[in-house]
Amino acid sequence: MADRKKELLRAIKYTLFSASAGLIQIGSFSLFSEVFHLVAWQSHLFSLILSVLWNFTLNRNFTFHAANNIPIAMLKLFAFYLVFTPLSTWWTSVLAKPDGFINAYIVEALTMLINFVLEYLYMRYFVFGKHTDTQGHPKNEGGES
């Protein structure tokens, strides 16, 4: 039962930090789209990068409490985005055309929702996995991988 509570709390923290990353993503998407007049896929790509950096940092420290090697953890997350970014950039370019097939903000919101679920599972079980809840433990202070 304690493990269930811990995982529920972890999921809630992840949701809240991801919401803050979502605000960064949609805010920067709006900035790139409305102020700099970039096309939807470019706005998506730049805003995604900002959001991922923010989300990784907060969730590593406060949600997963992971003491694993930061460069290795970032490389693992980078591998996720090697797949997700081209796919999401492609479907954004297809669905959010300037002629208005689907509103770019709707596409961005749906993409963010898909990313939220997939990234949580990926981070929980692959990026941090066995290193979850190891921050502050003496044997992990050396930043094991």
N, C-alpha and C. Protein backbone atom coordinates (compact mmCIF):
# COMPACT_ATOMS: atom_id res chain seq x y z
N MET A 1 0.83 -1.20 0.00
CA MET A 1 0.00 0.00 0.00
C MET A 1 0.87 1.26 0.00
N ALA A 2 1.97 1.24 0.75
CA ALA A 2 2.87 2.40 0.81
C ALA A 2 3.48 2.68 -0.56
N ASP A 3 3.80 1.61 -1.29
CA ASP A 3 4.36 1.79 -2.63
C ASP A 3 3.34 2.43 -3.58
N ARG A 4 2.08 2.06 -3.44
CA ARG A 4 1.02 2.65 -4.28
C ARG A 4 0.89 4.14 -4.00
N LYS A 5 0.92 4.50 -2.72
CA LYS A 5 0.83 5.91 -2.34
C LYS A 5 2.02 6.70 -2.88
N LYS A 6 3.19 6.09 -2.78
CA LYS A 6 4.41 6.73 -3.26
C LYS A 6 4.34 6.96 -4.77
N GLU A 7 3.86 5.97 -5.50
CA GLU A 7 3.75 6.11 -6.95
C GLU A 7 2.67 7.10 -7.34
N LEU A 8 1.58 7.13 -6.57
CA LEU A 8 0.53 8.12 -6.83
C LEU A 8 1.07 9.53 -6.61
N LEU A 9 1.78 9.72 -5.51
CA LEU A 9 2.39 11.03 -5.23
C LEU A 9 3.39 11.39 -6.34
N ARG A 10 4.16 10.42 -6.79
CA ARG A 10 5.12 10.64 -7.87
C ARG A 10 4.40 11.08 -9.15
N ALA A 11 3.30 10.42 -9.47
CA ALA A 11 2.52 10.78 -10.66
C ALA A 11 1.92 12.18 -10.54
N ILE A 12 1.49 12.54 -9.34
CA ILE A 12 0.94 13.88 -9.13
C ILE A 12 2.03 14.93 -9.30
N LYS A 13 3.20 14.69 -8.69
CA LYS A 13 4.32 15.62 -8.85
C LYS A 13 4.69 15.76 -10.32
N TYR A 14 4.79 14.62 -11.00
CA TYR A 14 5.14 14.65 -12.43
C TYR A 14 4.12 15.49 -13.20
N THR A 15 2.84 15.31 -12.89
CA THR A 15 1.78 16.06 -13.56
C THR A 15 1.94 17.55 -13.33
N LEU A 16 2.22 17.94 -12.09
CA LEU A 16 2.36 19.37 -11.78
C LEU A 16 3.59 19.97 -12.45
N PHE A 17 4.71 19.27 -12.39
CA PHE A 17 5.92 19.79 -13.06
C PHE A 17 5.74 19.80 -14.57
N SER A 18 5.05 18.80 -15.09
CA SER A 18 4.79 18.77 -16.52
C SER A 18 3.85 19.89 -16.94
N ALA A 19 2.93 20.24 -16.05
CA ALA A 19 2.04 21.37 -16.34
C ALA A 19 2.86 22.66 -16.44
N SER A 20 3.85 22.82 -15.55
CA SER A 20 4.70 24.01 -15.65
C SER A 20 5.51 23.98 -16.94
N ALA A 21 5.98 22.79 -17.32
CA ALA A 21 6.70 22.66 -18.60
C ALA A 21 5.75 22.93 -19.76
N GLY A 22 4.50 22.52 -19.60
CA GLY A 22 3.49 22.79 -20.63
C GLY A 22 3.25 24.27 -20.80
N LEU A 23 3.25 25.01 -19.69
CA LEU A 23 3.11 26.46 -19.77
C LEU A 23 4.29 27.09 -20.51
N ILE A 24 5.47 26.58 -20.23
CA ILE A 24 6.66 27.06 -20.95
C ILE A 24 6.53 26.72 -22.43
N GLN A 25 6.07 25.50 -22.72
CA GLN A 25 5.96 25.09 -24.12
C GLN A 25 4.91 25.91 -24.86
N ILE A 26 3.73 26.06 -24.30
CA ILE A 26 2.68 26.79 -25.02
C ILE A 26 3.00 28.29 -25.07
N GLY A 27 3.63 28.80 -24.01
CA GLY A 27 4.04 30.21 -24.01
C GLY A 27 5.09 30.50 -25.06
N SER A 28 6.11 29.64 -25.12
CA SER A 28 7.16 29.85 -26.11
C SER A 28 6.64 29.53 -27.52
N PHE A 29 5.73 28.55 -27.64
CA PHE A 29 5.10 28.26 -28.94
C PHE A 29 4.37 29.51 -29.44
N SER A 30 3.63 30.15 -28.54
CA SER A 30 2.90 31.37 -28.91
C SER A 30 3.87 32.48 -29.29
N LEU A 31 4.93 32.63 -28.53
CA LEU A 31 5.93 33.64 -28.83
C LEU A 31 6.54 33.41 -30.21
N PHE A 32 6.96 32.18 -30.46
CA PHE A 32 7.58 31.87 -31.75
C PHE A 32 6.59 32.02 -32.90
N SER A 33 5.34 31.65 -32.66
CA SER A 33 4.31 31.73 -33.71
C SER A 33 3.83 33.15 -33.95
N GLU A 34 3.45 33.83 -32.88
CA GLU A 34 2.77 35.12 -33.01
C GLU A 34 3.72 36.31 -33.12
N VAL A 35 4.85 36.24 -32.44
CA VAL A 35 5.78 37.37 -32.45
C VAL A 35 6.84 37.21 -33.55
N PHE A 36 7.42 36.00 -33.61
CA PHE A 36 8.48 35.78 -34.59
C PHE A 36 7.96 35.20 -35.91
N HIS A 37 6.68 34.86 -35.95
CA HIS A 37 6.00 34.38 -37.16
C HIS A 37 6.66 33.15 -37.79
N LEU A 38 7.11 32.24 -36.92
CA LEU A 38 7.63 30.98 -37.41
C LEU A 38 6.46 30.08 -37.79
N VAL A 39 6.70 29.14 -38.70
CA VAL A 39 5.65 28.19 -39.04
C VAL A 39 5.45 27.24 -37.86
N ALA A 40 4.34 26.55 -37.84
CA ALA A 40 3.95 25.74 -36.68
C ALA A 40 5.00 24.71 -36.30
N TRP A 41 5.57 24.01 -37.27
CA TRP A 41 6.53 22.96 -36.91
C TRP A 41 7.80 23.54 -36.28
N GLN A 42 8.22 24.74 -36.72
CA GLN A 42 9.40 25.37 -36.12
C GLN A 42 9.10 25.84 -34.70
N SER A 43 7.94 26.44 -34.53
CA SER A 43 7.53 26.88 -33.20
C SER A 43 7.44 25.69 -32.26
N HIS A 44 6.88 24.59 -32.75
CA HIS A 44 6.77 23.37 -31.95
C HIS A 44 8.15 22.86 -31.55
N LEU A 45 9.06 22.79 -32.48
CA LEU A 45 10.39 22.25 -32.21
C LEU A 45 11.13 23.07 -31.16
N PHE A 46 11.17 24.37 -31.31
CA PHE A 46 11.88 25.21 -30.35
C PHE A 46 11.22 25.19 -28.97
N SER A 47 9.90 25.22 -28.95
CA SER A 47 9.21 25.20 -27.66
C SER A 47 9.35 23.85 -26.97
N LEU A 48 9.41 22.78 -27.74
CA LEU A 48 9.60 21.44 -27.18
C LEU A 48 10.96 21.34 -26.49
N ILE A 49 11.99 21.86 -27.12
CA ILE A 49 13.33 21.81 -26.54
C ILE A 49 13.36 22.53 -25.18
N LEU A 50 12.79 23.72 -25.12
CA LEU A 50 12.76 24.47 -23.86
C LEU A 50 12.00 23.70 -22.78
N SER A 51 10.88 23.14 -23.16
CA SER A 51 10.03 22.40 -22.23
C SER A 51 10.73 21.15 -21.69
N VAL A 52 11.42 20.43 -22.56
CA VAL A 52 12.10 19.19 -22.15
C VAL A 52 13.21 19.49 -21.14
N LEU A 53 13.98 20.50 -21.40
CA LEU A 53 15.07 20.85 -20.47
C LEU A 53 14.52 21.19 -19.08
N TRP A 54 13.47 21.97 -19.05
CA TRP A 54 12.82 22.34 -17.79
C TRP A 54 12.27 21.10 -17.07
N ASN A 55 11.52 20.30 -17.82
CA ASN A 55 10.85 19.13 -17.26
C ASN A 55 11.85 18.10 -16.72
N PHE A 56 12.91 17.85 -17.47
CA PHE A 56 13.92 16.88 -17.05
C PHE A 56 14.54 17.30 -15.72
N THR A 57 14.93 18.56 -15.64
CA THR A 57 15.61 19.06 -14.45
C THR A 57 14.72 18.95 -13.21
N LEU A 58 13.49 19.43 -13.31
CA LEU A 58 12.59 19.37 -12.15
C LEU A 58 12.24 17.94 -11.76
N ASN A 59 11.90 17.12 -12.73
CA ASN A 59 11.47 15.76 -12.41
C ASN A 59 12.61 14.88 -11.90
N ARG A 60 13.81 15.08 -12.42
CA ARG A 60 14.94 14.30 -11.93
C ARG A 60 15.14 14.57 -10.44
N ASN A 61 15.09 15.83 -10.06
CA ASN A 61 15.39 16.21 -8.68
C ASN A 61 14.22 16.03 -7.71
N PHE A 62 13.01 16.35 -8.14
CA PHE A 62 11.90 16.42 -7.20
C PHE A 62 10.85 15.31 -7.34
N THR A 63 10.77 14.68 -8.48
CA THR A 63 9.79 13.61 -8.67
C THR A 63 10.43 12.24 -8.51
N PHE A 64 11.53 12.02 -9.22
CA PHE A 64 12.16 10.71 -9.22
C PHE A 64 13.31 10.62 -8.21
N HIS A 65 13.80 11.75 -7.71
CA HIS A 65 14.88 11.78 -6.73
C HIS A 65 16.02 10.85 -7.17
N ALA A 66 16.43 11.00 -8.41
CA ALA A 66 17.39 10.08 -9.00
C ALA A 66 18.81 10.60 -8.88
N ALA A 67 19.71 9.72 -8.45
CA ALA A 67 21.11 10.08 -8.28
C ALA A 67 21.97 9.48 -9.39
N ASN A 68 21.34 9.01 -10.46
CA ASN A 68 22.15 8.43 -11.52
C ASN A 68 22.92 9.51 -12.27
N ASN A 69 23.84 9.07 -13.09
CA ASN A 69 24.70 9.94 -13.87
C ASN A 69 23.85 10.84 -14.78
N ILE A 70 23.97 12.14 -14.60
CA ILE A 70 23.12 13.08 -15.35
C ILE A 70 23.35 12.98 -16.86
N PRO A 71 24.60 12.98 -17.34
CA PRO A 71 24.78 12.86 -18.81
C PRO A 71 24.17 11.58 -19.39
N ILE A 72 24.28 10.49 -18.67
CA ILE A 72 23.69 9.23 -19.17
C ILE A 72 22.17 9.33 -19.17
N ALA A 73 21.61 9.88 -18.10
CA ALA A 73 20.15 10.05 -18.04
C ALA A 73 19.68 10.97 -19.17
N MET A 74 20.42 12.04 -19.43
CA MET A 74 20.04 12.95 -20.51
C MET A 74 20.17 12.27 -21.87
N LEU A 75 21.18 11.45 -22.05
CA LEU A 75 21.32 10.71 -23.31
C LEU A 75 20.16 9.74 -23.51
N LYS A 76 19.72 9.11 -22.44
CA LYS A 76 18.56 8.21 -22.54
C LYS A 76 17.31 9.00 -22.95
N LEU A 77 17.13 10.16 -22.33
CA LEU A 77 15.98 10.99 -22.70
C LEU A 77 16.13 11.52 -24.12
N PHE A 78 17.35 11.86 -24.50
CA PHE A 78 17.63 12.30 -25.86
C PHE A 78 17.22 11.22 -26.87
N ALA A 79 17.46 9.95 -26.52
CA ALA A 79 17.07 8.84 -27.41
C ALA A 79 15.55 8.82 -27.62
N PHE A 80 14.80 9.10 -26.55
CA PHE A 80 13.34 9.20 -26.66
C PHE A 80 12.98 10.28 -27.67
N TYR A 81 13.62 11.44 -27.51
CA TYR A 81 13.30 12.57 -28.37
C TYR A 81 13.85 12.43 -29.79
N LEU A 82 14.80 11.53 -30.00
CA LEU A 82 15.24 11.23 -31.36
C LEU A 82 14.11 10.60 -32.17
N VAL A 83 13.21 9.94 -31.48
CA VAL A 83 12.05 9.35 -32.13
C VAL A 83 10.86 10.31 -32.07
N PHE A 84 10.57 10.82 -30.87
CA PHE A 84 9.38 11.65 -30.69
C PHE A 84 9.44 12.96 -31.47
N THR A 85 10.58 13.63 -31.46
CA THR A 85 10.67 14.95 -32.08
C THR A 85 10.42 14.92 -33.59
N PRO A 86 11.08 14.05 -34.34
CA PRO A 86 10.77 14.03 -35.78
C PRO A 86 9.32 13.67 -36.06
N LEU A 87 8.79 12.71 -35.30
CA LEU A 87 7.40 12.32 -35.52
C LEU A 87 6.44 13.46 -35.20
N SER A 88 6.62 14.10 -34.04
CA SER A 88 5.71 15.17 -33.65
C SER A 88 5.89 16.40 -34.54
N THR A 89 7.11 16.66 -34.96
CA THR A 89 7.34 17.79 -35.88
C THR A 89 6.68 17.50 -37.22
N TRP A 90 6.78 16.25 -37.67
CA TRP A 90 6.16 15.86 -38.95
C TRP A 90 4.64 15.99 -38.87
N TRP A 91 4.02 15.38 -37.81
CA TRP A 91 2.56 15.44 -37.77
C TRP A 91 2.06 16.86 -37.53
N THR A 92 2.88 17.69 -36.87
CA THR A 92 2.49 19.09 -36.73
C THR A 92 2.50 19.78 -38.08
N SER A 93 3.52 19.50 -38.89
CA SER A 93 3.60 20.12 -40.22
C SER A 93 2.47 19.65 -41.13
N VAL A 94 2.01 18.42 -40.95
CA VAL A 94 0.93 17.88 -41.78
C VAL A 94 -0.44 18.38 -41.31
N LEU A 95 -0.67 18.36 -40.01
CA LEU A 95 -1.98 18.68 -39.48
C LEU A 95 -2.24 20.17 -39.30
N ALA A 96 -1.20 20.93 -39.01
CA ALA A 96 -1.37 22.35 -38.71
C ALA A 96 -0.85 23.21 -39.86
N LYS A 97 -1.36 22.96 -41.02
CA LYS A 97 -0.94 23.72 -42.20
C LYS A 97 -1.48 25.15 -42.11
N PRO A 98 -0.79 26.09 -42.77
CA PRO A 98 -1.24 27.48 -42.73
C PRO A 98 -2.68 27.69 -43.22
N ASP A 99 -3.15 26.78 -44.07
CA ASP A 99 -4.53 26.94 -44.57
C ASP A 99 -5.57 26.50 -43.54
N GLY A 100 -5.11 26.03 -42.37
CA GLY A 100 -6.02 25.78 -41.27
C GLY A 100 -6.71 24.43 -41.24
N PHE A 101 -6.05 23.35 -41.72
CA PHE A 101 -6.64 22.01 -41.66
C PHE A 101 -7.08 21.71 -40.23
N ILE A 102 -6.17 21.88 -39.28
CA ILE A 102 -6.49 21.81 -37.85
C ILE A 102 -5.72 22.96 -37.21
N ASN A 103 -6.34 23.65 -36.30
CA ASN A 103 -5.69 24.76 -35.63
C ASN A 103 -4.38 24.30 -34.99
N ALA A 104 -3.32 25.07 -35.18
CA ALA A 104 -2.00 24.70 -34.68
C ALA A 104 -1.99 24.53 -33.16
N TYR A 105 -2.79 25.29 -32.46
CA TYR A 105 -2.83 25.17 -30.99
C TYR A 105 -3.50 23.86 -30.55
N ILE A 106 -4.46 23.39 -31.30
CA ILE A 106 -5.09 22.10 -30.99
C ILE A 106 -4.08 20.97 -31.23
N VAL A 107 -3.37 21.05 -32.34
CA VAL A 107 -2.34 20.04 -32.63
C VAL A 107 -1.27 20.06 -31.53
N GLU A 108 -0.85 21.24 -31.14
CA GLU A 108 0.17 21.37 -30.09
C GLU A 108 -0.34 20.79 -28.77
N ALA A 109 -1.56 21.06 -28.40
CA ALA A 109 -2.12 20.54 -27.15
C ALA A 109 -2.22 19.02 -27.17
N LEU A 110 -2.67 18.44 -28.27
CA LEU A 110 -2.75 16.98 -28.38
C LEU A 110 -1.35 16.35 -28.35
N THR A 111 -0.41 16.99 -29.00
CA THR A 111 0.97 16.51 -29.00
C THR A 111 1.54 16.54 -27.58
N MET A 112 1.24 17.59 -26.86
CA MET A 112 1.72 17.71 -25.48
C MET A 112 1.12 16.61 -24.59
N LEU A 113 -0.13 16.28 -24.80
CA LEU A 113 -0.77 15.22 -24.04
C LEU A 113 -0.13 13.86 -24.32
N ILE A 114 0.11 13.57 -25.59
CA ILE A 114 0.78 12.32 -25.98
C ILE A 114 2.17 12.27 -25.35
N ASN A 115 2.90 13.37 -25.45
CA ASN A 115 4.24 13.46 -24.89
C ASN A 115 4.22 13.24 -23.38
N PHE A 116 3.27 13.83 -22.69
CA PHE A 116 3.14 13.72 -21.24
C PHE A 116 3.09 12.25 -20.80
N VAL A 117 2.23 11.49 -21.41
CA VAL A 117 2.05 10.09 -21.02
C VAL A 117 3.27 9.25 -21.38
N LEU A 118 3.73 9.37 -22.62
CA LEU A 118 4.86 8.55 -23.06
C LEU A 118 6.14 8.89 -22.30
N GLU A 119 6.38 10.17 -22.07
CA GLU A 119 7.61 10.56 -21.38
C GLU A 119 7.60 10.11 -19.93
N TYR A 120 6.46 10.16 -19.25
CA TYR A 120 6.41 9.69 -17.87
C TYR A 120 6.82 8.22 -17.80
N LEU A 121 6.22 7.41 -18.63
CA LEU A 121 6.54 5.98 -18.62
C LEU A 121 8.01 5.73 -18.95
N TYR A 122 8.50 6.44 -19.94
CA TYR A 122 9.89 6.29 -20.36
C TYR A 122 10.85 6.73 -19.25
N MET A 123 10.58 7.89 -18.64
CA MET A 123 11.46 8.37 -17.58
C MET A 123 11.39 7.47 -16.34
N ARG A 124 10.20 7.07 -15.98
CA ARG A 124 10.02 6.27 -14.76
C ARG A 124 10.72 4.92 -14.85
N TYR A 125 10.56 4.26 -16.01
CA TYR A 125 11.03 2.88 -16.11
C TYR A 125 12.34 2.71 -16.87
N PHE A 126 12.76 3.70 -17.65
CA PHE A 126 14.00 3.52 -18.41
C PHE A 126 15.07 4.54 -18.01
N VAL A 127 14.73 5.82 -18.03
CA VAL A 127 15.75 6.84 -17.75
C VAL A 127 16.21 6.74 -16.29
N PHE A 128 15.26 6.72 -15.36
CA PHE A 128 15.62 6.69 -13.95
C PHE A 128 15.47 5.31 -13.34
N GLY A 129 14.49 4.55 -13.74
CA GLY A 129 14.29 3.17 -13.31
C GLY A 129 14.81 2.82 -11.95
N LYS A 130 15.88 2.03 -11.90
CA LYS A 130 16.43 1.55 -10.62
C LYS A 130 17.08 2.66 -9.80
N HIS A 131 17.28 3.84 -10.41
CA HIS A 131 17.88 4.96 -9.69
C HIS A 131 16.84 5.87 -9.02
N THR A 132 15.57 5.55 -9.21
CA THR A 132 14.50 6.32 -8.58
C THR A 132 14.64 6.23 -7.07
N ASP A 133 14.50 7.35 -6.40
CA ASP A 133 14.59 7.45 -4.94
C ASP A 133 15.97 7.11 -4.39
N THR A 134 17.02 7.41 -5.15
CA THR A 134 18.38 7.16 -4.67
C THR A 134 19.12 8.45 -4.31
N GLN A 135 18.53 9.59 -4.57
CA GLN A 135 19.17 10.86 -4.26
C GLN A 135 19.37 10.98 -2.76
N GLY A 136 20.56 11.35 -2.34
CA GLY A 136 20.83 11.53 -0.92
C GLY A 136 21.30 10.28 -0.21
N HIS A 137 21.31 9.14 -0.90
CA HIS A 137 21.82 7.92 -0.29
C HIS A 137 23.33 7.91 -0.46
N PRO A 138 24.08 7.65 0.61
CA PRO A 138 25.54 7.75 0.57
C PRO A 138 26.19 6.94 -0.55
N LYS A 139 25.68 5.76 -0.86
CA LYS A 139 26.34 4.94 -1.88
C LYS A 139 26.13 5.51 -3.28
N ASN A 140 25.22 6.47 -3.44
CA ASN A 140 24.95 7.04 -4.76
C ASN A 140 25.50 8.46 -4.92
N GLU A 141 26.19 8.96 -3.93
CA GLU A 141 26.70 10.32 -4.01
C GLU A 141 27.73 10.49 -5.12
N GLY A 142 28.33 9.41 -5.57
CA GLY A 142 29.32 9.50 -6.64
C GLY A 142 28.71 9.63 -8.01
N GLY A 143 27.38 9.59 -8.12
CA GLY A 143 26.71 9.74 -9.42
C GLY A 143 26.83 8.51 -10.29
N GLU A 144 26.57 7.35 -9.73
CA GLU A 144 26.65 6.10 -10.50
C GLU A 144 25.72 6.16 -11.69
N SER A 145 26.04 5.39 -12.71
CA SER A 145 25.18 5.35 -13.91
C SER A 145 24.13 4.30 -13.82
